[in-house]
Amino acid sequence: MKIRKNYILHSNDDQTVLVAAGGAKFSGFVRGNEMLGVILELLRNDMTEEKLVKEMRSRYNAPEGLIESDVKKVLDTLRKADALEE
């Protein structure tokens, strides 16, 4: 899976915004923190959920299950926004 081409990513300090551009079924944006930005950057290339979790684990020290839960929430949000090519 990866981010559809008709979505624009903007990160500024600790905030990240993913905006639907022309041709997107979704009208609006997804806003989040630095972790969202990292996940979206990784999703510029084809990734599996397992690869995302592994990469996030290598970057962040978090309690067991937290990264998996956060990645799942982000992917669910991106699916609702029709922002993922799967």
PDB file of N, CA and C in Angstrom:
ATOM      1  N   MET A   1       0.836  -1.172   0.000  1.00  0.00           N
ATOM      2  CA  MET A   1       0.000   0.000   0.000  1.00  0.00           C
ATOM      3  C   MET A   1       0.885   1.240   0.000  1.00  0.00           C
ATOM      4  N   LYS A   2       0.326   2.331  -0.558  1.00  0.00           N
ATOM      5  CA  LYS A   2       1.037   3.598  -0.528  1.00  0.00           C
ATOM      6  C   LYS A   2       0.036   4.735  -0.682  1.00  0.00           C
ATOM      7  N   ILE A   3       0.486   5.955  -0.428  1.00  0.00           N
ATOM      8  CA  ILE A   3      -0.372   7.131  -0.521  1.00  0.00           C
ATOM      9  C   ILE A   3      -0.708   7.393  -1.994  1.00  0.00           C
ATOM     10  N   ARG A   4      -1.961   7.691  -2.250  1.00  0.00           N
ATOM     11  CA  ARG A   4      -2.377   8.040  -3.616  1.00  0.00           C
ATOM     12  C   ARG A   4      -1.684   9.331  -4.053  1.00  0.00           C
ATOM     13  N   LYS A   5      -1.476   9.450  -5.343  1.00  0.00           N
ATOM     14  CA  LYS A   5      -0.748  10.594  -5.890  1.00  0.00           C
ATOM     15  C   LYS A   5      -1.520  11.905  -5.787  1.00  0.00           C
ATOM     16  N   ASN A   6      -2.831  11.846  -5.633  1.00  0.00           N
ATOM     17  CA  ASN A   6      -3.598  13.084  -5.570  1.00  0.00           C
ATOM     18  C   ASN A   6      -3.793  13.587  -4.131  1.00  0.00           C
ATOM     19  N   TYR A   7      -2.828  13.287  -3.272  1.00  0.00           N
ATOM     20  CA  TYR A   7      -2.795  13.794  -1.897  1.00  0.00           C
ATOM     21  C   TYR A   7      -1.464  14.496  -1.680  1.00  0.00           C
ATOM     22  N   ILE A   8      -1.531  15.641  -1.023  1.00  0.00           N
ATOM     23  CA  ILE A   8      -0.343  16.452  -0.783  1.00  0.00           C
ATOM     24  C   ILE A   8      -0.004  16.394   0.707  1.00  0.00           C
ATOM     25  N   LEU A   9       1.259  16.118   0.993  1.00  0.00           N
ATOM     26  CA  LEU A   9       1.748  16.022   2.365  1.00  0.00           C
ATOM     27  C   LEU A   9       2.514  17.282   2.729  1.00  0.00           C
ATOM     28  N   HIS A  10       2.196  17.830   3.905  1.00  0.00           N
ATOM     29  CA  HIS A  10       2.937  18.982   4.406  1.00  0.00           C
ATOM     30  C   HIS A  10       3.236  18.758   5.884  1.00  0.00           C
ATOM     31  N   SER A  11       4.509  18.848   6.247  1.00  0.00           N
ATOM     32  CA  SER A  11       4.927  18.729   7.642  1.00  0.00           C
ATOM     33  C   SER A  11       5.608  20.013   8.075  1.00  0.00           C
ATOM     34  N   ASN A  12       5.285  20.448   9.284  1.00  0.00           N
ATOM     35  CA  ASN A  12       5.856  21.662   9.842  1.00  0.00           C
ATOM     36  C   ASN A  12       6.071  21.440  11.333  1.00  0.00           C
ATOM     37  N   ASP A  13       7.325  21.408  11.754  1.00  0.00           N
ATOM     38  CA  ASP A  13       7.667  21.135  13.151  1.00  0.00           C
ATOM     39  C   ASP A  13       7.033  19.824  13.597  1.00  0.00           C
ATOM     40  N   ASP A  14       6.065  19.883  14.521  1.00  0.00           N
ATOM     41  CA  ASP A  14       5.479  18.651  15.040  1.00  0.00           C
ATOM     42  C   ASP A  14       4.069  18.404  14.512  1.00  0.00           C
ATOM     43  N   GLN A  15       3.653  19.129  13.467  1.00  0.00           N
ATOM     44  CA  GLN A  15       2.339  18.932  12.862  1.00  0.00           C
ATOM     45  C   GLN A  15       2.469  18.467  11.421  1.00  0.00           C
ATOM     46  N   THR A  16       1.569  17.582  11.038  1.00  0.00           N
ATOM     47  CA  THR A  16       1.541  17.061   9.678  1.00  0.00           C
ATOM     48  C   THR A  16       0.124  17.172   9.140  1.00  0.00           C
ATOM     49  N   VAL A  17       0.018  17.543   7.865  1.00  0.00           N
ATOM     50  CA  VAL A  17      -1.284  17.643   7.216  1.00  0.00           C
ATOM     51  C   VAL A  17      -1.209  16.914   5.876  1.00  0.00           C
ATOM     52  N   LEU A  18      -2.215  16.092   5.606  1.00  0.00           N
ATOM     53  CA  LEU A  18      -2.368  15.433   4.321  1.00  0.00           C
ATOM     54  C   LEU A  18      -3.632  16.000   3.691  1.00  0.00           C
ATOM     55  N   VAL A  19      -3.483  16.630   2.534  1.00  0.00           N
ATOM     56  CA  VAL A  19      -4.587  17.336   1.886  1.00  0.00           C
ATOM     57  C   VAL A  19      -4.979  16.621   0.603  1.00  0.00           C
ATOM     58  N   ALA A  20      -6.288  16.444   0.424  1.00  0.00           N
ATOM     59  CA  ALA A  20      -6.809  15.861  -0.808  1.00  0.00           C
ATOM     60  C   ALA A  20      -6.756  16.916  -1.901  1.00  0.00           C
ATOM     61  N   ALA A  21      -6.171  16.563  -3.029  1.00  0.00           N
ATOM     62  CA  ALA A  21      -6.067  17.480  -4.167  1.00  0.00           C
ATOM     63  C   ALA A  21      -7.070  17.066  -5.243  1.00  0.00           C
ATOM     64  N   GLY A  22      -6.990  17.680  -6.412  1.00  0.00           N
ATOM     65  CA  GLY A  22      -7.913  17.406  -7.508  1.00  0.00           C
ATOM     66  C   GLY A  22      -8.031  15.931  -7.831  1.00  0.00           C
ATOM     67  N   GLY A  23      -9.244  15.507  -8.052  1.00  0.00           N
ATOM     68  CA  GLY A  23      -9.487  14.127  -8.439  1.00  0.00           C
ATOM     69  C   GLY A  23      -9.670  13.166  -7.282  1.00  0.00           C
ATOM     70  N   ALA A  24      -9.447  13.609  -6.054  1.00  0.00           N
ATOM     71  CA  ALA A  24      -9.613  12.736  -4.894  1.00  0.00           C
ATOM     72  C   ALA A  24     -11.096  12.608  -4.562  1.00  0.00           C
ATOM     73  N   LYS A  25     -11.514  11.429  -4.147  1.00  0.00           N
ATOM     74  CA  LYS A  25     -12.904  11.214  -3.728  1.00  0.00           C
ATOM     75  C   LYS A  25     -13.184  11.919  -2.410  1.00  0.00           C
ATOM     76  N   PHE A  26     -12.175  12.029  -1.577  1.00  0.00           N
ATOM     77  CA  PHE A  26     -12.269  12.646  -0.256  1.00  0.00           C
ATOM     78  C   PHE A  26     -12.081  14.147  -0.399  1.00  0.00           C
ATOM     79  N   SER A  27     -12.882  14.913   0.297  1.00  0.00           N
ATOM     80  CA  SER A  27     -12.744  16.361   0.269  1.00  0.00           C
ATOM     81  C   SER A  27     -12.392  16.830   1.675  1.00  0.00           C
ATOM     82  N   GLY A  28     -11.148  17.200   1.879  1.00  0.00           N
ATOM     83  CA  GLY A  28     -10.729  17.641   3.201  1.00  0.00           C
ATOM     84  C   GLY A  28      -9.273  17.342   3.436  1.00  0.00           C
ATOM     85  N   PHE A  29      -8.930  17.179   4.725  1.00  0.00           N
ATOM     86  CA  PHE A  29      -7.548  16.910   5.079  1.00  0.00           C
ATOM     87  C   PHE A  29      -7.487  16.039   6.315  1.00  0.00           C
ATOM     88  N   VAL A  30      -6.318  15.435   6.520  1.00  0.00           N
ATOM     89  CA  VAL A  30      -6.023  14.637   7.709  1.00  0.00           C
ATOM     90  C   VAL A  30      -4.885  15.352   8.418  1.00  0.00           C
ATOM     91  N   ARG A  31      -5.069  15.650   9.702  1.00  0.00           N
ATOM     92  CA  ARG A  31      -4.052  16.368  10.466  1.00  0.00           C
ATOM     93  C   ARG A  31      -3.581  15.495  11.615  1.00  0.00           C
ATOM     94  N   GLY A  32      -2.271  15.552  11.889  1.00  0.00           N
ATOM     95  CA  GLY A  32      -1.726  14.759  12.983  1.00  0.00           C
ATOM     96  C   GLY A  32      -0.371  15.262  13.426  1.00  0.00           C
ATOM     97  N   ASN A  33       0.293  14.428  14.203  1.00  0.00           N
ATOM     98  CA  ASN A  33       1.575  14.789  14.797  1.00  0.00           C
ATOM     99  C   ASN A  33       2.754  14.289  13.961  1.00  0.00           C
ATOM    100  N   GLU A  34       3.927  14.356  14.546  1.00  0.00           N
ATOM    101  CA  GLU A  34       5.164  13.926  13.880  1.00  0.00           C
ATOM    102  C   GLU A  34       5.089  12.469  13.446  1.00  0.00           C
ATOM    103  N   MET A  35       4.479  11.616  14.263  1.00  0.00           N
ATOM    104  CA  MET A  35       4.394  10.193  13.930  1.00  0.00           C
ATOM    105  C   MET A  35       3.583   9.994  12.642  1.00  0.00           C
ATOM    106  N   LEU A  36       2.504  10.736  12.483  1.00  0.00           N
ATOM    107  CA  LEU A  36       1.740  10.672  11.237  1.00  0.00           C
ATOM    108  C   LEU A  36       2.633  11.053  10.064  1.00  0.00           C
ATOM    109  N   GLY A  37       3.429  12.084  10.235  1.00  0.00           N
ATOM    110  CA  GLY A  37       4.338  12.514   9.173  1.00  0.00           C
ATOM    111  C   GLY A  37       5.314  11.432   8.767  1.00  0.00           C
ATOM    112  N   VAL A  38       5.857  10.724   9.750  1.00  0.00           N
ATOM    113  CA  VAL A  38       6.800   9.641   9.454  1.00  0.00           C
ATOM    114  C   VAL A  38       6.093   8.524   8.692  1.00  0.00           C
ATOM    115  N   ILE A  39       4.909   8.156   9.146  1.00  0.00           N
ATOM    116  CA  ILE A  39       4.157   7.091   8.467  1.00  0.00           C
ATOM    117  C   ILE A  39       3.834   7.497   7.029  1.00  0.00           C
ATOM    118  N   LEU A  40       3.402   8.735   6.843  1.00  0.00           N
ATOM    119  CA  LEU A  40       3.078   9.195   5.487  1.00  0.00           C
ATOM    120  C   LEU A  40       4.313   9.236   4.594  1.00  0.00           C
ATOM    121  N   GLU A  41       5.442   9.644   5.136  1.00  0.00           N
ATOM    122  CA  GLU A  41       6.688   9.631   4.353  1.00  0.00           C
ATOM    123  C   GLU A  41       7.029   8.203   3.930  1.00  0.00           C
ATOM    124  N   LEU A  42       6.889   7.261   4.860  1.00  0.00           N
ATOM    125  CA  LEU A  42       7.168   5.865   4.538  1.00  0.00           C
ATOM    126  C   LEU A  42       6.200   5.344   3.473  1.00  0.00           C
ATOM    127  N   LEU A  43       4.964   5.836   3.501  1.00  0.00           N
ATOM    128  CA  LEU A  43       3.950   5.380   2.548  1.00  0.00           C
ATOM    129  C   LEU A  43       4.076   6.030   1.175  1.00  0.00           C
ATOM    130  N   ARG A  44       5.088   6.835   0.970  1.00  0.00           N
ATOM    131  CA  ARG A  44       5.359   7.332  -0.383  1.00  0.00           C
ATOM    132  C   ARG A  44       5.837   6.170  -1.253  1.00  0.00           C
ATOM    133  N   ASN A  45       6.377   5.144  -0.597  1.00  0.00           N
ATOM    134  CA  ASN A  45       6.796   3.911  -1.267  1.00  0.00           C
ATOM    135  C   ASN A  45       5.869   2.796  -0.819  1.00  0.00           C
ATOM    136  N   ASP A  46       5.794   1.748  -1.605  1.00  0.00           N
ATOM    137  CA  ASP A  46       4.937   0.617  -1.281  1.00  0.00           C
ATOM    138  C   ASP A  46       5.388  -0.042   0.017  1.00  0.00           C
ATOM    139  N   MET A  47       4.464  -0.157   0.970  1.00  0.00           N
ATOM    140  CA  MET A  47       4.775  -0.726   2.286  1.00  0.00           C
ATOM    141  C   MET A  47       3.642  -1.641   2.727  1.00  0.00           C
ATOM    142  N   THR A  48       3.970  -2.602   3.564  1.00  0.00           N
ATOM    143  CA  THR A  48       2.947  -3.392   4.240  1.00  0.00           C
ATOM    144  C   THR A  48       2.789  -2.833   5.649  1.00  0.00           C
ATOM    145  N   GLU A  49       1.723  -3.201   6.305  1.00  0.00           N
ATOM    146  CA  GLU A  49       1.520  -2.765   7.692  1.00  0.00           C
ATOM    147  C   GLU A  49       2.653  -3.279   8.571  1.00  0.00           C
ATOM    148  N   GLU A  50       3.095  -4.501   8.317  1.00  0.00           N
ATOM    149  CA  GLU A  50       4.177  -5.088   9.108  1.00  0.00           C
ATOM    150  C   GLU A  50       5.478  -4.309   8.931  1.00  0.00           C
ATOM    151  N   LYS A  51       5.771  -3.905   7.693  1.00  0.00           N
ATOM    152  CA  LYS A  51       6.980  -3.108   7.441  1.00  0.00           C
ATOM    153  C   LYS A  51       6.893  -1.749   8.119  1.00  0.00           C
ATOM    154  N   LEU A  52       5.706  -1.151   8.109  1.00  0.00           N
ATOM    155  CA  LEU A  52       5.519   0.132   8.787  1.00  0.00           C
ATOM    156  C   LEU A  52       5.796   0.006  10.278  1.00  0.00           C
ATOM    157  N   VAL A  53       5.232  -1.025  10.895  1.00  0.00           N
ATOM    158  CA  VAL A  53       5.435  -1.245  12.329  1.00  0.00           C
ATOM    159  C   VAL A  53       6.922  -1.456  12.619  1.00  0.00           C
ATOM    160  N   LYS A  54       7.578  -2.268  11.820  1.00  0.00           N
ATOM    161  CA  LYS A  54       9.007  -2.534  12.025  1.00  0.00           C
ATOM    162  C   LYS A  54       9.823  -1.243  11.927  1.00  0.00           C
ATOM    163  N   GLU A  55       9.534  -0.435  10.916  1.00  0.00           N
ATOM    164  CA  GLU A  55      10.263   0.825  10.737  1.00  0.00           C
ATOM    165  C   GLU A  55       9.987   1.788  11.899  1.00  0.00           C
ATOM    166  N   MET A  56       8.743   1.857  12.337  1.00  0.00           N
ATOM    167  CA  MET A  56       8.404   2.742  13.454  1.00  0.00           C
ATOM    168  C   MET A  56       9.068   2.272  14.748  1.00  0.00           C
ATOM    169  N   ARG A  57       9.144   0.963  14.941  1.00  0.00           N
ATOM    170  CA  ARG A  57       9.835   0.425  16.123  1.00  0.00           C
ATOM    171  C   ARG A  57      11.311   0.812  16.126  1.00  0.00           C
ATOM    172  N   SER A  58      11.916   0.876  14.941  1.00  0.00           N
ATOM    173  CA  SER A  58      13.330   1.229  14.873  1.00  0.00           C
ATOM    174  C   SER A  58      13.553   2.717  15.171  1.00  0.00           C
ATOM    175  N   ARG A  59      12.505   3.528  15.028  1.00  0.00           N
ATOM    176  CA  ARG A  59      12.624   4.978  15.251  1.00  0.00           C
ATOM    177  C   ARG A  59      12.143   5.424  16.621  1.00  0.00           C
ATOM    178  N   TYR A  60      11.171   4.706  17.182  1.00  0.00           N
ATOM    179  CA  TYR A  60      10.548   5.131  18.440  1.00  0.00           C
ATOM    180  C   TYR A  60      10.634   4.025  19.483  1.00  0.00           C
ATOM    181  N   ASN A  61      10.870   4.416  20.705  1.00  0.00           N
ATOM    182  CA  ASN A  61      10.862   3.499  21.834  1.00  0.00           C
ATOM    183  C   ASN A  61       9.508   3.653  22.516  1.00  0.00           C
ATOM    184  N   ALA A  62       8.652   2.651  22.379  1.00  0.00           N
ATOM    185  CA  ALA A  62       7.301   2.730  22.921  1.00  0.00           C
ATOM    186  C   ALA A  62       6.928   1.397  23.553  1.00  0.00           C
ATOM    187  N   PRO A  63       5.980   1.428  24.486  1.00  0.00           N
ATOM    188  CA  PRO A  63       5.530   0.186  25.110  1.00  0.00           C
ATOM    189  C   PRO A  63       4.977  -0.805  24.088  1.00  0.00           C
ATOM    190  N   GLU A  64       5.062  -2.067  24.420  1.00  0.00           N
ATOM    191  CA  GLU A  64       4.571  -3.145  23.556  1.00  0.00           C
ATOM    192  C   GLU A  64       3.124  -2.879  23.145  1.00  0.00           C
ATOM    193  N   GLY A  65       2.863  -2.966  21.868  1.00  0.00           N
ATOM    194  CA  GLY A  65       1.515  -2.809  21.347  1.00  0.00           C
ATOM    195  C   GLY A  65       1.121  -1.392  20.976  1.00  0.00           C
ATOM    196  N   LEU A  66       1.811  -0.395  21.503  1.00  0.00           N
ATOM    197  CA  LEU A  66       1.428   0.993  21.230  1.00  0.00           C
ATOM    198  C   LEU A  66       1.675   1.385  19.780  1.00  0.00           C
ATOM    199  N   ILE A  67       2.829   1.046  19.254  1.00  0.00           N
ATOM    200  CA  ILE A  67       3.136   1.387  17.858  1.00  0.00           C
ATOM    201  C   ILE A  67       2.183   0.652  16.923  1.00  0.00           C
ATOM    202  N   GLU A  68       1.933  -0.618  17.187  1.00  0.00           N
ATOM    203  CA  GLU A  68       1.007  -1.384  16.352  1.00  0.00           C
ATOM    204  C   GLU A  68      -0.378  -0.719  16.349  1.00  0.00           C
ATOM    205  N   SER A  69      -0.835  -0.317  17.510  1.00  0.00           N
ATOM    206  CA  SER A  69      -2.131   0.334  17.643  1.00  0.00           C
ATOM    207  C   SER A  69      -2.167   1.672  16.899  1.00  0.00           C
ATOM    208  N   ASP A  70      -1.111   2.460  17.052  1.00  0.00           N
ATOM    209  CA  ASP A  70      -1.049   3.764  16.381  1.00  0.00           C
ATOM    210  C   ASP A  70      -1.007   3.613  14.866  1.00  0.00           C
ATOM    211  N   VAL A  71      -0.222   2.677  14.370  1.00  0.00           N
ATOM    212  CA  VAL A  71      -0.142   2.444  12.923  1.00  0.00           C
ATOM    213  C   VAL A  71      -1.508   2.018  12.392  1.00  0.00           C
ATOM    214  N   LYS A  72      -2.182   1.134  13.102  1.00  0.00           N
ATOM    215  CA  LYS A  72      -3.514   0.678  12.683  1.00  0.00           C
ATOM    216  C   LYS A  72      -4.485   1.850  12.634  1.00  0.00           C
ATOM    217  N   LYS A  73      -4.464   2.719  13.642  1.00  0.00           N
ATOM    218  CA  LYS A  73      -5.363   3.886  13.662  1.00  0.00           C
ATOM    219  C   LYS A  73      -5.094   4.802  12.475  1.00  0.00           C
ATOM    220  N   VAL A  74      -3.827   5.046  12.183  1.00  0.00           N
ATOM    221  CA  VAL A  74      -3.470   5.904  11.049  1.00  0.00           C
ATOM    222  C   VAL A  74      -3.953   5.273   9.750  1.00  0.00           C
ATOM    223  N   LEU A  75      -3.708   3.996   9.566  1.00  0.00           N
ATOM    224  CA  LEU A  75      -4.134   3.322   8.333  1.00  0.00           C
ATOM    225  C   LEU A  75      -5.655   3.334   8.192  1.00  0.00           C
ATOM    226  N   ASP A  76      -6.376   3.139   9.291  1.00  0.00           N
ATOM    227  CA  ASP A  76      -7.843   3.203   9.254  1.00  0.00           C
ATOM    228  C   ASP A  76      -8.312   4.594   8.825  1.00  0.00           C
ATOM    229  N   THR A  77      -7.681   5.628   9.366  1.00  0.00           N
ATOM    230  CA  THR A  77      -8.026   7.007   9.003  1.00  0.00           C
ATOM    231  C   THR A  77      -7.732   7.267   7.531  1.00  0.00           C
ATOM    232  N   LEU A  78      -6.581   6.804   7.061  1.00  0.00           N
ATOM    233  CA  LEU A  78      -6.214   6.998   5.650  1.00  0.00           C
ATOM    234  C   LEU A  78      -7.159   6.229   4.728  1.00  0.00           C
ATOM    235  N   ARG A  79      -7.599   5.074   5.142  1.00  0.00           N
ATOM    236  CA  ARG A  79      -8.568   4.311   4.335  1.00  0.00           C
ATOM    237  C   ARG A  79      -9.892   5.065   4.247  1.00  0.00           C
ATOM    238  N   LYS A  80     -10.344   5.631   5.358  1.00  0.00           N
ATOM    239  CA  LYS A  80     -11.599   6.396   5.361  1.00  0.00           C
ATOM    240  C   LYS A  80     -11.494   7.606   4.442  1.00  0.00           C
ATOM    241  N   ALA A  81     -10.308   8.168   4.335  1.00  0.00           N
ATOM    242  CA  ALA A  81     -10.075   9.322   3.461  1.00  0.00           C
ATOM    243  C   ALA A  81      -9.764   8.889   2.028  1.00  0.00           C
ATOM    244  N   ASP A  82      -9.799   7.597   1.768  1.00  0.00           N
ATOM    245  CA  ASP A  82      -9.483   7.031   0.456  1.00  0.00           C
ATOM    246  C   ASP A  82      -8.110   7.500  -0.026  1.00  0.00           C
ATOM    247  N   ALA A  83      -7.161   7.580   0.897  1.00  0.00           N
ATOM    248  CA  ALA A  83      -5.817   8.096   0.583  1.00  0.00           C
ATOM    249  C   ALA A  83      -4.823   6.982   0.282  1.00  0.00           C
ATOM    250  N   LEU A  84      -5.228   5.722   0.418  1.00  0.00           N
ATOM    251  CA  LEU A  84      -4.295   4.620   0.204  1.00  0.00           C
ATOM    252  C   LEU A  84      -4.582   3.849  -1.085  1.00  0.00           C
ATOM    253  N   GLU A  85      -3.525   3.533  -1.800  1.00  0.00           N
ATOM    254  CA  GLU A  85      -3.603   2.566  -2.890  1.00  0.00           C
ATOM    255  C   GLU A  85      -3.232   1.218  -2.284  1.00  0.00           C
ATOM    256  N   GLU A  86      -4.143   0.262  -2.357  1.00  0.00           N
ATOM    257  CA  GLU A  86      -3.839  -1.043  -1.747  1.00  0.00           C
ATOM    258  C   GLU A  86      -3.877  -2.139  -2.784  1.00  0.00           C
TER     259      GLU A  86
END
